[in-house]
């Protein structure tokens, strides 16, 4: 099944700000922001450039399991980098292939060198479900004669 749509379409159906952290912030500060905003990842920035994505998975694997502490570890030490990014012109299908192939859950969206959004695997799943509902409605309408053939 082909999934139509672009990252631009997805971002414009999504509300919310992109939350960021500095590579010089402590992991504790980043986790505190994630908890406060009820989000699972932050885009890590250094010198106004996207460096990578810090996720709860990074914390659990690179701090907790390695016996480090979040107050003594900097974001830059554990962030997944380099960032795998997309542009707003990229297709939803490309995003799905990237996330699946690279086993990642978040893609920063960069246009003309600027961070304009962040999409998650959950955003893509929602898009696919909405797309499938729309296709089913069209097919039901065609079958019942509501749409001309």
Protein backbone atom coordinates (compact mmCIF):
# COMPACT_ATOMS: atom_id res chain seq x y z
CA UNK A 1 0.00 0.00 0.00
CA UNK A 2 1.38 3.38 -0.99
CA UNK A 3 1.14 6.15 1.58
CA UNK A 4 0.65 9.62 0.13
CA UNK A 5 1.60 12.87 1.77
CA UNK A 6 4.64 14.84 2.77
CA UNK A 7 6.27 15.86 6.02
CA UNK A 8 4.80 19.32 5.40
CA UNK A 9 1.28 17.83 5.40
CA UNK A 10 1.99 15.92 8.59
CA UNK A 11 3.44 18.95 10.40
CA UNK A 12 0.47 21.11 9.48
CA UNK A 13 -1.93 18.58 10.99
CA UNK A 14 0.15 18.42 14.16
CA UNK A 15 0.21 20.92 16.94
CA UNK A 16 3.06 21.62 19.26
CA UNK A 17 6.42 23.21 19.62
CA UNK A 18 9.76 21.51 19.02
CA UNK A 19 11.57 21.26 22.33
CA UNK A 20 15.35 21.36 22.28
CA UNK A 21 18.27 20.85 24.61
CA UNK A 22 21.89 21.92 24.43
CA UNK A 23 24.71 19.41 24.27
CA UNK A 24 26.08 21.25 27.34
CA UNK A 25 22.93 20.68 29.43
CA UNK A 26 22.99 17.86 31.94
CA UNK A 27 20.94 14.81 31.16
CA UNK A 28 19.01 15.58 34.35
CA UNK A 29 17.99 19.01 32.98
CA UNK A 30 16.93 17.43 29.70
CA UNK A 31 14.92 14.70 31.47
CA UNK A 32 13.26 17.32 33.64
CA UNK A 33 12.12 19.22 30.51
CA UNK A 34 10.90 15.99 28.90
CA UNK A 35 8.86 15.18 32.00
CA UNK A 36 7.49 18.71 32.27
CA UNK A 37 6.39 18.71 28.60
CA UNK A 38 5.31 15.04 28.61
CA UNK A 39 7.48 14.19 25.61
CA UNK A 40 9.83 11.31 24.84
CA UNK A 41 12.63 13.11 23.01
CA UNK A 42 14.44 16.41 22.57
CA UNK A 43 16.43 17.72 19.64
CA UNK A 44 20.02 18.38 20.75
CA UNK A 45 21.45 21.66 19.48
CA UNK A 46 25.04 22.94 19.43
CA UNK A 47 25.98 26.32 17.88
CA UNK A 48 22.47 26.60 16.36
CA UNK A 49 22.96 23.28 14.54
CA UNK A 50 21.00 20.07 15.07
CA UNK A 51 23.43 17.51 16.47
CA UNK A 52 21.12 14.64 17.27
CA UNK A 53 18.08 13.46 19.17
CA UNK A 54 18.05 12.67 22.88
CA UNK A 55 15.43 10.07 23.75
CA UNK A 56 14.33 8.17 26.81
CA UNK A 57 16.01 5.17 25.18
CA UNK A 58 19.36 7.01 25.15
CA UNK A 59 18.95 7.73 28.85
CA UNK A 60 18.11 4.16 29.80
CA UNK A 61 20.88 2.58 27.74
CA UNK A 62 23.68 5.12 28.08
CA UNK A 63 23.18 6.40 31.61
CA UNK A 64 21.22 3.92 33.73
CA UNK A 65 22.69 0.71 32.29
CA UNK A 66 26.22 2.12 32.36
CA UNK A 67 26.01 3.17 36.00
CA UNK A 68 26.27 6.90 35.26
CA UNK A 69 24.19 9.63 36.85
CA UNK A 70 21.98 12.07 35.00
CA UNK A 71 23.28 15.02 37.04
CA UNK A 72 26.92 14.30 36.10
CA UNK A 73 26.41 13.40 32.44
CA UNK A 74 26.08 15.95 29.65
CA UNK A 75 23.57 15.55 26.82
CA UNK A 76 26.45 15.72 24.35
CA UNK A 77 27.95 12.56 25.87
CA UNK A 78 24.95 10.35 25.18
CA UNK A 79 22.89 11.94 22.40
CA UNK A 80 22.29 9.79 19.31
CA UNK A 81 24.20 11.47 16.53
CA UNK A 82 24.60 12.38 13.83
CA UNK A 83 20.97 13.36 13.50
CA UNK A 84 19.01 11.60 10.79
CA UNK A 85 16.87 14.41 9.38
CA UNK A 86 14.26 15.05 6.73
CA UNK A 87 12.88 18.14 5.00
CA UNK A 88 9.25 19.20 4.82
CA UNK A 89 9.22 18.14 1.14
CA UNK A 90 10.10 14.53 1.93
CA UNK A 91 7.41 11.88 1.67
CA UNK A 92 5.76 10.11 4.56
CA UNK A 93 6.88 6.87 2.93
CA UNK A 94 10.55 8.00 3.02
CA UNK A 95 10.20 8.80 6.73
CA UNK A 96 8.78 5.35 7.42
CA UNK A 97 11.66 3.72 5.53
CA UNK A 98 14.25 5.80 7.43
CA UNK A 99 12.75 5.07 10.83
CA UNK A 100 12.40 1.38 10.12
CA UNK A 101 15.78 0.98 8.44
CA UNK A 102 17.73 2.93 11.06
CA UNK A 103 15.60 1.76 14.00
CA UNK A 104 14.87 5.29 15.20
CA UNK A 105 11.68 6.86 16.52
CA UNK A 106 12.19 10.57 15.85
CA UNK A 107 13.17 12.67 12.82
CA UNK A 108 14.04 16.36 13.09
CA UNK A 109 12.68 18.33 10.13
CA UNK A 110 15.15 20.85 8.72
CA UNK A 111 14.39 23.37 5.98
CA UNK A 112 17.03 25.81 4.75
CA UNK A 113 19.28 24.95 7.69
CA UNK A 114 16.61 25.64 10.34
CA UNK A 115 14.78 23.23 12.61
CA UNK A 116 11.08 23.48 11.71
CA UNK A 117 9.64 20.37 13.36
CA UNK A 118 10.07 16.93 14.83
CA UNK A 119 8.08 13.91 13.76
CA UNK A 120 7.77 10.69 15.69
CA UNK A 121 6.87 7.15 14.78
CA UNK A 122 3.54 7.82 16.51
CA UNK A 123 2.87 10.71 14.13
CA UNK A 124 3.48 8.40 11.18
CA UNK A 125 1.24 5.67 12.57
CA UNK A 126 -1.56 8.22 13.04
CA UNK A 127 -1.06 9.48 9.47
CA UNK A 128 -1.23 5.95 8.04
CA UNK A 129 -4.38 5.15 10.04
CA UNK A 130 -6.06 8.36 8.85
CA UNK A 131 -5.02 7.60 5.27
CA UNK A 132 -6.43 4.08 5.48
CA UNK A 133 -9.75 5.36 6.91
CA UNK A 134 -10.02 7.83 4.04
CA UNK A 135 -9.32 5.10 1.45
CA UNK A 136 -11.91 2.80 3.03
CA UNK A 137 -14.53 5.57 2.99
CA UNK A 138 -13.83 6.23 -0.70
CA UNK A 139 -14.08 2.53 -1.54
CA UNK A 140 -17.32 2.16 0.40
CA UNK A 141 -18.72 5.19 -1.40
CA UNK A 142 -17.68 3.78 -4.77
CA UNK A 143 -19.22 0.39 -4.00
CA UNK A 144 -22.50 1.93 -2.81
CA UNK A 145 -22.68 4.19 -5.85
CA UNK A 146 -22.10 7.47 -3.99
CA UNK A 147 -19.01 8.22 -6.12
CA UNK A 148 -19.14 8.11 -9.92
CA UNK A 149 -16.79 5.53 -11.45
